[in-house]
Protein backbone atom coordinates (compact mmCIF):
# COMPACT_ATOMS: atom_id res chain seq x y z
CA MET A 1 -90.63 -110.71 -59.02
CA LYS A 2 -93.36 -111.84 -61.36
CA ARG A 3 -94.18 -115.11 -63.29
CA LYS A 4 -91.18 -114.34 -65.70
CA MET A 5 -88.47 -115.05 -63.17
CA ILE A 6 -90.00 -118.30 -61.87
CA SER A 7 -90.33 -119.28 -65.64
CA THR A 8 -86.79 -118.71 -66.09
CA MET A 9 -85.50 -120.33 -62.92
CA LEU A 10 -87.74 -123.44 -63.82
CA ALA A 11 -86.07 -123.74 -67.21
CA ILE A 12 -82.55 -123.68 -65.39
CA THR A 13 -83.80 -126.48 -62.83
CA MET A 14 -85.43 -128.65 -65.43
CA ALA A 15 -81.89 -128.92 -67.08
CA PHE A 16 -81.05 -131.37 -64.30
CA SER A 17 -82.56 -134.38 -66.16
CA LEU A 18 -85.23 -135.78 -68.52
CA ILE A 19 -88.35 -136.83 -66.89
CA ALA A 20 -89.75 -140.23 -67.84
CA CYS A 21 -93.31 -140.66 -67.24
CA GLY A 22 -95.57 -143.80 -66.65
CA SER A 23 -97.78 -144.99 -63.81
CA SER A 24 -97.43 -146.58 -60.49
CA ASP A 25 -100.15 -149.21 -61.18
CA LYS A 26 -98.47 -152.37 -62.57
CA ASN A 27 -101.14 -152.48 -65.31
CA ALA A 28 -101.07 -148.86 -66.26
CA LYS A 29 -99.66 -147.45 -69.48
CA THR A 30 -96.72 -145.15 -69.82
CA ALA A 31 -97.39 -141.32 -70.30
CA ASP A 32 -95.55 -138.64 -72.38
CA SER A 33 -92.75 -137.06 -70.43
CA SER A 34 -93.49 -133.74 -72.19
CA SER A 35 -97.04 -133.43 -71.04
CA THR A 36 -97.26 -130.22 -69.27
CA THR A 37 -100.25 -127.57 -69.58
CA GLU A 38 -100.85 -124.23 -68.50
CA ASP A 39 -103.16 -123.70 -65.58
CA THR A 40 -105.09 -120.47 -65.79
CA SER A 41 -106.04 -120.47 -61.88
CA ALA A 42 -102.37 -120.37 -60.86
CA SER A 43 -101.31 -119.63 -57.26
CA ASP A 44 -100.63 -116.15 -56.05
CA ASP A 45 -97.17 -117.57 -55.43
CA SER A 46 -96.39 -116.94 -59.00
CA ASP A 47 -95.81 -113.35 -58.00
CA THR A 48 -93.19 -114.25 -55.41
CA ALA A 49 -89.55 -113.86 -55.86
CA VAL A 50 -87.75 -117.16 -56.01
CA SER A 51 -85.43 -115.96 -53.43
CA ASP A 52 -88.35 -115.39 -50.93
CA LEU A 53 -89.78 -118.99 -51.56
CA LYS A 54 -89.76 -121.68 -48.67
CA VAL A 55 -89.22 -125.10 -49.52
CA GLY A 56 -90.06 -128.01 -47.23
CA ILE A 57 -88.94 -131.75 -47.49
CA VAL A 58 -90.46 -134.27 -45.21
CA MET A 59 -88.87 -137.93 -45.55
CA LYS A 60 -89.55 -141.06 -43.95
CA SER A 61 -86.17 -141.68 -42.49
CA SER A 62 -82.63 -140.25 -42.73
CA ASP A 63 -80.91 -143.25 -44.40
CA GLU A 64 -78.76 -142.91 -47.46
CA PHE A 65 -81.65 -143.40 -49.83
CA GLN A 66 -83.84 -140.53 -48.45
CA ASN A 67 -80.80 -138.21 -47.69
CA SER A 68 -80.16 -138.39 -51.47
CA VAL A 69 -83.72 -137.39 -52.26
CA VAL A 70 -83.06 -134.39 -49.90
CA LYS A 71 -79.78 -133.66 -51.58
CA GLY A 72 -81.46 -133.61 -54.98
CA ALA A 73 -84.09 -131.29 -53.87
CA THR A 74 -81.93 -128.96 -51.97
CA GLU A 75 -79.37 -128.45 -54.59
CA ALA A 76 -82.25 -127.71 -57.29
CA ALA A 77 -83.63 -125.27 -55.14
CA ILE A 78 -80.37 -123.41 -54.43
CA LYS A 79 -79.50 -123.61 -57.89
CA ALA A 80 -82.82 -121.92 -58.83
CA GLY A 81 -82.29 -119.08 -56.43
CA VAL A 82 -83.79 -120.37 -53.19
CA PRO A 83 -81.66 -119.47 -50.18
CA GLU A 84 -80.40 -122.55 -48.17
CA ALA A 85 -82.02 -120.87 -45.12
CA ASN A 86 -85.18 -121.14 -46.60
CA ILE A 87 -85.01 -124.87 -47.10
CA LYS A 88 -86.09 -127.15 -44.44
CA ALA A 89 -85.73 -130.91 -44.56
CA VAL A 90 -87.17 -133.16 -41.61
CA ALA A 91 -86.96 -136.91 -41.40
CA SER A 92 -88.80 -139.27 -39.11
CA THR A 93 -86.58 -140.97 -36.58
CA SER A 94 -88.64 -144.28 -37.12
CA GLU A 95 -90.37 -145.55 -39.98
CA SER A 96 -93.08 -146.66 -37.82
CA ASP A 97 -93.73 -143.24 -36.23
CA SER A 98 -95.92 -141.56 -38.80
CA MET A 99 -97.32 -138.77 -36.53
CA GLN A 100 -93.52 -137.15 -36.67
CA GLN A 101 -94.43 -136.40 -40.43
CA VAL A 102 -97.85 -134.92 -39.47
CA THR A 103 -96.29 -132.56 -36.97
CA ALA A 104 -93.45 -131.67 -39.36
CA ILE A 105 -96.04 -131.03 -42.23
CA GLU A 106 -98.31 -128.94 -39.78
CA ASP A 107 -95.25 -126.95 -38.76
CA MET A 108 -94.47 -126.17 -42.47
CA ILE A 109 -98.03 -125.06 -43.10
CA SER A 110 -97.77 -122.58 -40.01
CA ASN A 111 -94.54 -121.43 -41.35
CA GLY A 112 -95.51 -120.18 -44.92
CA THR A 113 -94.04 -123.18 -47.03
CA ASN A 114 -94.58 -122.66 -50.60
CA ILE A 115 -93.54 -126.00 -52.14
CA LEU A 116 -93.68 -129.16 -49.99
CA LEU A 117 -91.95 -132.52 -51.09
CA CYS A 118 -93.13 -135.43 -49.04
CA ALA A 119 -92.48 -139.31 -49.11
CA CYS A 120 -95.43 -140.70 -47.34
CA GLN A 121 -94.99 -142.98 -44.39
CA GLU A 122 -98.63 -144.14 -43.85
CA GLU A 123 -101.37 -143.01 -46.09
CA ASN A 124 -104.23 -142.74 -43.59
CA ALA A 125 -102.22 -140.77 -41.27
CA LEU A 126 -100.88 -138.17 -43.80
CA LYS A 127 -103.75 -137.71 -46.26
CA GLY A 128 -105.63 -135.13 -43.94
CA VAL A 129 -102.72 -132.94 -43.31
CA LEU A 130 -101.59 -133.12 -46.91
CA GLY A 131 -104.89 -131.86 -47.74
CA GLN A 132 -104.43 -129.00 -45.35
CA ALA A 133 -101.36 -128.10 -46.91
CA ALA A 134 -102.84 -128.14 -50.48
CA ASP A 135 -105.92 -126.01 -48.97
CA ALA A 136 -103.20 -123.32 -47.58
CA GLY A 137 -101.85 -122.92 -51.18
CA ILE A 138 -98.85 -125.21 -50.67
CA LYS A 139 -97.57 -127.00 -53.95
CA VAL A 140 -97.37 -130.60 -52.66
CA VAL A 141 -95.20 -132.93 -54.67
CA MET A 142 -94.87 -136.70 -53.36
CA VAL A 143 -91.54 -138.04 -53.85
CA ASP A 144 -90.45 -141.75 -53.56
CA THR A 145 -93.59 -142.87 -51.66
CA ASP A 146 -97.17 -141.73 -52.89
CA CYS A 147 -100.20 -141.07 -50.88
CA PRO A 148 -102.70 -142.25 -53.42
CA SER A 149 -105.82 -141.04 -51.60
CA PHE A 150 -104.46 -137.35 -51.48
CA GLU A 151 -105.68 -136.03 -54.80
CA ASN A 152 -104.38 -132.32 -54.75
CA LYS A 153 -100.81 -133.11 -55.39
CA VAL A 154 -98.66 -131.57 -58.17
CA THR A 155 -97.48 -134.87 -58.96
CA PHE A 156 -95.92 -138.26 -57.67
CA ILE A 157 -92.28 -138.92 -58.47
CA GLY A 158 -90.89 -142.41 -57.68
CA THR A 159 -89.97 -145.83 -59.03
CA ASP A 160 -92.84 -148.10 -60.17
CA ASN A 161 -91.97 -150.41 -57.37
CA TYR A 162 -93.92 -153.40 -58.60
CA GLN A 163 -92.50 -153.33 -62.12
CA ALA A 164 -88.97 -152.62 -60.75
CA ALA A 165 -89.15 -155.42 -58.40
CA TYR A 166 -90.63 -157.80 -61.12
CA ASP A 167 -88.01 -156.83 -63.62
CA GLY A 168 -85.17 -156.96 -61.06
CA ALA A 169 -86.22 -160.41 -60.04
CA LEU A 170 -86.45 -161.90 -63.44
CA GLU A 171 -82.86 -160.69 -63.92
CA PHE A 172 -81.83 -162.25 -60.80
CA SER A 173 -83.41 -165.44 -61.56
CA LYS A 174 -81.26 -165.81 -64.64
CA ARG A 175 -78.44 -165.92 -62.15
CA LEU A 176 -79.97 -168.87 -60.07
CA GLU A 177 -80.69 -172.35 -61.03
CA GLU A 178 -84.19 -173.37 -61.76
CA GLY A 179 -86.15 -174.59 -58.66
CA SER A 180 -83.77 -172.52 -56.45
CA ASN A 181 -85.09 -171.68 -52.70
CA VAL A 182 -85.52 -168.00 -52.33
CA VAL A 183 -86.34 -166.16 -49.00
CA ILE A 184 -87.56 -162.43 -48.81
CA LEU A 185 -86.74 -159.75 -46.27
CA ARG A 186 -89.24 -156.89 -46.85
CA GLY A 187 -89.81 -153.41 -45.31
CA LYS A 188 -92.71 -152.67 -42.74
CA LEU A 189 -96.17 -153.87 -43.38
CA GLY A 190 -98.62 -151.44 -44.69
CA ASP A 191 -95.85 -149.45 -46.72
CA VAL A 192 -97.10 -149.08 -50.06
CA ASN A 193 -93.60 -149.24 -51.75
CA HIS A 194 -92.48 -152.63 -49.91
CA GLU A 195 -96.24 -154.06 -50.51
CA SER A 196 -95.65 -153.51 -54.34
CA ARG A 197 -92.01 -154.74 -54.33
CA THR A 198 -92.88 -157.64 -52.38
CA ASP A 199 -95.59 -158.57 -54.61
CA GLY A 200 -93.18 -157.85 -57.82
CA LEU A 201 -90.43 -160.18 -56.39
CA LYS A 202 -92.87 -163.03 -55.56
CA THR A 203 -94.44 -163.05 -58.78
CA ALA A 204 -91.36 -162.77 -60.71
CA LEU A 205 -89.47 -165.49 -58.78
CA GLU A 206 -92.71 -167.98 -59.06
CA GLU A 207 -92.93 -167.27 -62.72
CA SER A 208 -89.16 -168.09 -63.25
CA GLY A 209 -89.58 -171.39 -61.54
CA MET A 210 -88.11 -170.50 -58.08
CA ASN A 211 -89.43 -171.51 -54.67
CA VAL A 212 -90.22 -168.72 -52.18
CA LEU A 213 -89.54 -170.33 -48.86
CA GLU A 214 -90.82 -167.43 -46.82
CA VAL A 215 -91.37 -163.67 -46.56
CA GLN A 216 -90.46 -161.79 -43.36
CA ASP A 217 -90.89 -158.05 -42.22
CA ALA A 218 -87.42 -156.71 -41.29
CA ASN A 219 -88.44 -153.22 -41.02
CA CYS A 220 -85.36 -151.90 -43.22
CA GLU A 221 -83.40 -152.30 -40.26
CA THR A 222 -79.80 -154.03 -40.84
CA ASP A 223 -79.85 -155.63 -37.29
CA LYS A 224 -83.40 -156.92 -37.50
CA ALA A 225 -82.40 -158.24 -41.03
CA ALA A 226 -79.38 -159.96 -39.67
CA ASN A 227 -81.27 -161.57 -37.09
CA THR A 228 -84.17 -162.49 -39.31
CA MET A 229 -81.80 -164.17 -41.64
CA GLU A 230 -80.07 -165.99 -38.82
CA SER A 231 -83.45 -167.51 -37.95
CA PHE A 232 -84.00 -168.51 -41.82
CA LEU A 233 -80.46 -170.30 -41.82
CA SER A 234 -81.74 -172.21 -38.79
CA LYS A 235 -85.08 -173.08 -39.86
CA TYR A 236 -83.96 -174.05 -43.44
CA PRO A 237 -80.53 -175.52 -42.97
CA GLY A 238 -78.68 -175.98 -46.06
CA GLN A 239 -81.86 -175.18 -48.30
CA ILE A 240 -81.51 -171.49 -48.99
CA ASN A 241 -80.01 -170.65 -52.27
CA ALA A 242 -81.01 -166.99 -52.45
CA VAL A 243 -82.11 -163.83 -50.59
CA MET A 244 -84.14 -160.85 -52.12
CA VAL A 245 -84.93 -157.73 -50.16
CA THR A 246 -86.86 -154.56 -50.67
CA SER A 247 -84.26 -152.30 -49.18
CA ASP A 248 -80.47 -152.38 -49.29
CA SER A 249 -80.01 -152.03 -45.56
CA MET A 250 -81.61 -155.63 -45.18
CA ALA A 251 -79.11 -157.06 -47.84
CA VAL A 252 -76.32 -155.51 -45.93
CA GLY A 253 -77.72 -157.36 -42.74
CA ALA A 254 -78.41 -160.63 -44.67
CA ALA A 255 -75.01 -160.48 -45.90
CA GLN A 256 -73.54 -160.19 -42.40
CA ALA A 257 -75.51 -163.11 -41.15
CA ILE A 258 -74.63 -165.30 -44.05
CA GLU A 259 -71.00 -164.51 -43.40
CA SER A 260 -71.18 -165.21 -39.70
CA ALA A 261 -72.76 -168.61 -40.37
CA GLY A 262 -70.28 -169.42 -42.97
CA ALA A 263 -73.13 -170.39 -45.56
CA ASP A 264 -71.48 -170.28 -48.69
CA GLY A 265 -73.22 -170.02 -51.98
CA ILE A 266 -76.32 -168.03 -51.21
CA LYS A 267 -76.69 -165.16 -53.54
CA ILE A 268 -78.19 -161.91 -52.46
CA CYS A 269 -80.07 -159.25 -54.57
CA GLY A 270 -80.48 -155.73 -53.03
CA PHE A 271 -82.97 -152.97 -53.87
CA ASP A 272 -82.04 -149.28 -53.61
CA GLY A 273 -78.44 -148.50 -54.28
CA PHE A 274 -76.86 -147.79 -51.07
CA GLN A 275 -73.11 -147.33 -50.88
CA SER A 276 -72.84 -150.01 -48.18
CA ALA A 277 -74.40 -152.49 -50.53
CA ILE A 278 -72.58 -151.41 -53.65
CA GLU A 279 -69.33 -152.07 -51.57
CA LEU A 280 -70.43 -155.64 -51.16
CA VAL A 281 -71.11 -156.02 -54.78
CA GLU A 282 -67.36 -155.26 -55.19
CA THR A 283 -66.52 -157.98 -52.55
CA GLY A 284 -68.91 -160.38 -54.21
CA GLU A 285 -71.11 -160.72 -51.06
CA ILE A 286 -74.11 -159.30 -52.94
CA GLU A 287 -74.93 -160.44 -56.52
CA MET A 288 -76.76 -157.50 -57.72
CA ILE A 289 -78.87 -154.64 -56.84
CA ILE A 290 -82.10 -153.06 -58.20
CA GLY A 291 -80.98 -149.46 -58.30
CA GLN A 292 -83.30 -146.72 -57.98
CA LYS A 293 -82.48 -142.94 -58.60
CA PRO A 294 -83.19 -140.94 -55.45
CA TYR A 295 -81.22 -137.74 -56.34
CA GLU A 296 -83.38 -137.39 -59.49
CA MET A 297 -86.64 -137.80 -57.25
CA GLY A 298 -85.69 -134.76 -55.45
CA SER A 299 -84.29 -132.47 -58.05
CA GLU A 300 -87.41 -133.27 -60.46
CA GLY A 301 -89.79 -133.03 -57.45
CA PHE A 302 -88.47 -129.51 -56.79
CA ALA A 303 -88.74 -128.37 -60.34
CA CYS A 304 -92.25 -129.59 -60.58
CA GLY A 305 -93.11 -127.82 -57.35
CA LEU A 306 -91.58 -124.60 -58.92
CA GLY A 307 -93.33 -125.11 -62.35
CA SER A 308 -96.71 -125.46 -60.63
CA LEU A 309 -96.20 -121.92 -59.01
CA ASP A 310 -96.16 -120.70 -62.71
CA GLY A 311 -99.29 -122.44 -63.46
CA LYS A 312 -97.79 -125.51 -65.02
CA THR A 313 -99.42 -129.01 -64.50
CA TYR A 314 -97.74 -132.31 -64.92
CA ASP A 315 -98.53 -135.86 -65.55
CA THR A 316 -99.89 -137.50 -62.24
CA TYR A 317 -97.04 -140.00 -62.12
CA ILE A 318 -93.37 -139.45 -63.19
CA ASN A 319 -90.93 -142.34 -63.09
CA PRO A 320 -87.27 -141.85 -62.95
CA GLY A 321 -86.41 -145.41 -63.92
CA ILE A 322 -84.22 -147.98 -62.32
CA GLN A 323 -80.74 -149.42 -62.88
CA VAL A 324 -79.25 -152.96 -62.55
CA ILE A 325 -76.02 -152.74 -60.39
CA ASP A 326 -73.79 -155.76 -60.52
CA SER A 327 -69.99 -156.65 -60.82
CA GLU A 328 -69.78 -155.25 -64.38
CA ASN A 329 -70.86 -151.91 -63.45
CA TYR A 330 -70.78 -151.19 -59.81
CA LYS A 331 -67.69 -148.93 -60.14
CA ASP A 332 -70.05 -146.30 -62.04
CA PHE A 333 -72.03 -146.15 -58.77
CA LEU A 334 -69.39 -145.98 -55.98
CA SER A 335 -68.79 -142.55 -54.37
C-alpha cells in the first residue's frame, strides 16, 4: 500500500488528541502545534502497508505511568491498522540498568522495526544505539524522557518537567504556611526528568518563602521512599511540614511512613497521577498531585512516527501538558 494509505491512517490516529507544542528547556518559547512540513526524502517505508509495519516501544520500567504510555501507543497503532502481533513493548526491570534498553533496541533493529518509541533511561548509554536505529531507517520518537544528544529523532513528546514542577510547587505552596519546612524525595541521579523536576520544585519553593530542608534520591521506589521518609522524620523531629516528590511511587511510600510514625499534619504533593496516589488524595493522605498525561504521550508518539513514514516532520518538542489533581477533581482521574 502506498503513501495514500498511511496518510489516511494517520488522519485517523491523530484524532486521538490535539498536540500542544513547546520546549523542554525552561527558558524556551512555545511552538505552534500545527507545525508540520513535507519531507521530500521520505523513507521507503512510505510504500509499506500499515498492516505490515512493526512497532517497538522501549520504556524505562513497567510502572503504572510507563504502562499507560505503552497502552496509548498500542491502542493508537491497532486503530491505525497495525496488527497487535507486530507491536513489541519492552521495559527494563530496573531503572538503574540502561543496558537492558540497549539490548532491546538492538533486537528491534535486527527484527526490522519501522517505528520505535523510546523513553531514555541514560543518555550516554542510549545515544549510540538510537543513532544505529535511525541509520537503519527506523523512525524514532522519544516519549516521556528525551535523549538530547540524539539528533535524528522524529520528535520528543513529554512533559516540560522543569516548568511542570515549578508551576506545581507554586500551587502547592499556596496550601502551606510561609516558612514551612519541606523535604524532597527524587528519582535517580542522572535521570534528566528527575533532575529537571527537582530543580523546578526547589526554585519555586524557595521563591515562595519555603525552606527546603533536604533532597534525597529514593530511586522512584515505594519501599526506599518509605525508609528515607522514616529517616527524615527521625532527623527532623516535629520540623517537617510538607513533602514533595518527583514520582508518585515515592509519594505513596512517604505517606506510608508518615502514617506509621503517626506524624499528623504533613502535607504531601505527588507527581505523575498513579491510581495508588490518587486513592490517597481521596483519603486525604496526599494533598495534591502534579498529573502528567502518559496515554497521550504514547498515542501521539505513534501518530508522529506514522506521519514521518509519510514524509511529515514535526516540532522538535511536543508538550502534552499537565493537570493538578486534588480533592476537588480526583474522581475525574480514578479508574
